[in-house]
Amino acid sequence: MEKTSLGIEENLEAALAYLVGWITGLIFYLIERDSQFVRFHAMQSILTFLPLWVIAWIIGWIPSIGWIISSLIWILSLVLWIILLIKAFRGEKFKLPVVGDMAEKYAQ
């Protein structure tokens, strides 16, 4: 893997873009200028985890069944987070359906 504008290897920086979900995705999207690979993973992190976080938080306020649905969304988020973190660290450009195409477009 090549070094990025921050002097970190691309695979490590891409994995770090997922580390704290959309927050680190936003940070790395804003500070990384050279690596399209890192920018792709950073944008995919933002476009995946920010909506899931907002939806789970809103649904959690629904009486009775909201906490169950919200818990399922958090579990889905955790599974996605682990998969995407591992794929990025391995240097793979793993595209999620819909979000992956959008991330690729905005990463350029």
Protein backbone atom coordinates (compact mmCIF):
# COMPACT_ATOMS: atom_id res chain seq x y z
CA MET A 1 0.00 0.00 0.00
CA GLU A 2 1.06 3.56 -0.64
CA LYS A 3 1.46 6.32 1.89
CA THR A 4 -1.27 8.96 2.10
CA SER A 5 -0.96 12.73 2.44
CA LEU A 6 -0.88 12.16 6.22
CA GLY A 7 2.07 9.78 5.91
CA ILE A 8 0.03 6.72 6.96
CA GLU A 9 -0.42 3.60 4.84
CA GLU A 10 -3.67 3.66 2.86
CA ASN A 11 -5.14 0.51 4.38
CA LEU A 12 -4.57 1.70 7.95
CA GLU A 13 -5.99 5.15 7.29
CA ALA A 14 -9.03 3.67 5.52
CA ALA A 15 -9.68 1.39 8.51
CA LEU A 16 -9.30 4.35 10.87
CA ALA A 17 -12.01 6.13 8.87
CA TYR A 18 -14.43 3.52 10.24
CA LEU A 19 -13.06 3.46 13.78
CA VAL A 20 -15.66 5.76 15.38
CA GLY A 21 -18.24 5.47 12.61
CA TRP A 22 -19.32 8.57 10.74
CA ILE A 23 -17.29 10.88 12.99
CA THR A 24 -13.88 9.53 11.93
CA GLY A 25 -15.22 9.13 8.41
CA LEU A 26 -15.90 12.86 8.32
CA ILE A 27 -12.50 13.70 9.81
CA PHE A 28 -10.57 11.60 7.30
CA TYR A 29 -12.73 12.77 4.39
CA LEU A 30 -11.89 16.38 5.23
CA ILE A 31 -8.16 15.96 5.88
CA GLU A 32 -7.16 13.36 3.27
CA ARG A 33 -6.55 15.00 -0.11
CA ASP A 34 -4.53 12.48 -2.12
CA SER A 35 -5.81 8.95 -1.58
CA GLN A 36 -9.03 8.12 -3.41
CA PHE A 37 -9.06 4.80 -1.56
CA VAL A 38 -9.16 6.49 1.85
CA ARG A 39 -11.64 9.14 0.70
CA PHE A 40 -13.93 6.38 -0.60
CA HIS A 41 -13.91 4.51 2.71
CA ALA A 42 -14.32 7.74 4.68
CA MET A 43 -17.35 8.75 2.62
CA GLN A 44 -18.83 5.25 2.81
CA SER A 45 -18.46 5.44 6.59
CA ILE A 46 -20.34 8.75 6.67
CA LEU A 47 -23.10 7.63 4.30
CA THR A 48 -23.59 4.33 6.14
CA PHE A 49 -23.29 5.09 9.83
CA LEU A 50 -24.74 8.59 10.10
CA PRO A 51 -28.17 7.58 8.73
CA LEU A 52 -28.17 4.34 10.75
CA TRP A 53 -27.30 6.30 13.91
CA VAL A 54 -30.07 8.88 13.30
CA ILE A 55 -32.69 6.26 12.41
CA ALA A 56 -31.87 4.07 15.43
CA TRP A 57 -31.98 7.09 17.74
CA ILE A 58 -35.36 8.29 16.39
CA ILE A 59 -36.94 4.83 16.38
CA GLY A 60 -35.70 4.29 19.93
CA TRP A 61 -38.19 6.94 21.10
CA ILE A 62 -41.21 4.97 19.84
CA PRO A 63 -43.05 3.51 22.84
CA SER A 64 -43.09 -0.26 23.36
CA ILE A 65 -41.47 -1.64 20.22
CA GLY A 66 -39.03 1.18 19.45
CA TRP A 67 -36.23 -0.08 21.66
CA ILE A 68 -36.43 -3.54 20.03
CA ILE A 69 -36.17 -2.17 16.48
CA SER A 70 -33.48 0.27 17.57
CA SER A 71 -31.48 -2.58 19.13
CA LEU A 72 -31.67 -4.54 15.87
CA ILE A 73 -30.39 -1.51 13.96
CA TRP A 74 -27.48 -1.17 16.42
CA ILE A 75 -26.64 -4.87 15.94
CA LEU A 76 -26.73 -4.44 12.15
CA SER A 77 -24.48 -1.39 12.52
CA LEU A 78 -21.99 -3.34 14.62
CA VAL A 79 -21.82 -6.17 12.08
CA LEU A 80 -21.37 -3.70 9.20
CA TRP A 81 -18.75 -1.81 11.16
CA ILE A 82 -16.67 -4.96 11.76
CA ILE A 83 -16.93 -6.08 8.12
CA LEU A 84 -16.05 -2.67 6.69
CA LEU A 85 -13.19 -2.15 9.13
CA ILE A 86 -11.63 -5.50 8.22
CA LYS A 87 -12.13 -5.05 4.48
CA ALA A 88 -10.55 -1.59 4.56
CA PHE A 89 -7.59 -2.82 6.61
CA ARG A 90 -7.03 -5.63 4.10
CA GLY A 91 -6.88 -3.02 1.32
CA GLU A 92 -10.14 -4.05 -0.32
CA LYS A 93 -12.49 -1.53 -1.89
CA PHE A 94 -15.66 -3.19 -0.60
CA LYS A 95 -18.71 -1.33 -1.87
CA LEU A 96 -22.03 -1.55 -0.08
CA PRO A 97 -25.11 -1.50 -2.31
CA VAL A 98 -26.35 2.05 -3.08
CA VAL A 99 -24.07 3.73 -0.51
CA GLY A 100 -20.91 2.39 -2.17
CA ASP A 101 -21.74 3.99 -5.51
CA MET A 102 -22.52 7.29 -3.83
CA ALA A 103 -19.29 7.15 -1.83
CA GLU A 104 -17.30 6.45 -4.98
CA LYS A 105 -18.86 9.46 -6.68
CA TYR A 106 -18.15 11.84 -3.77
CA ALA A 107 -14.64 10.50 -3.16
CA GLN A 108 -13.37 11.91 -6.45
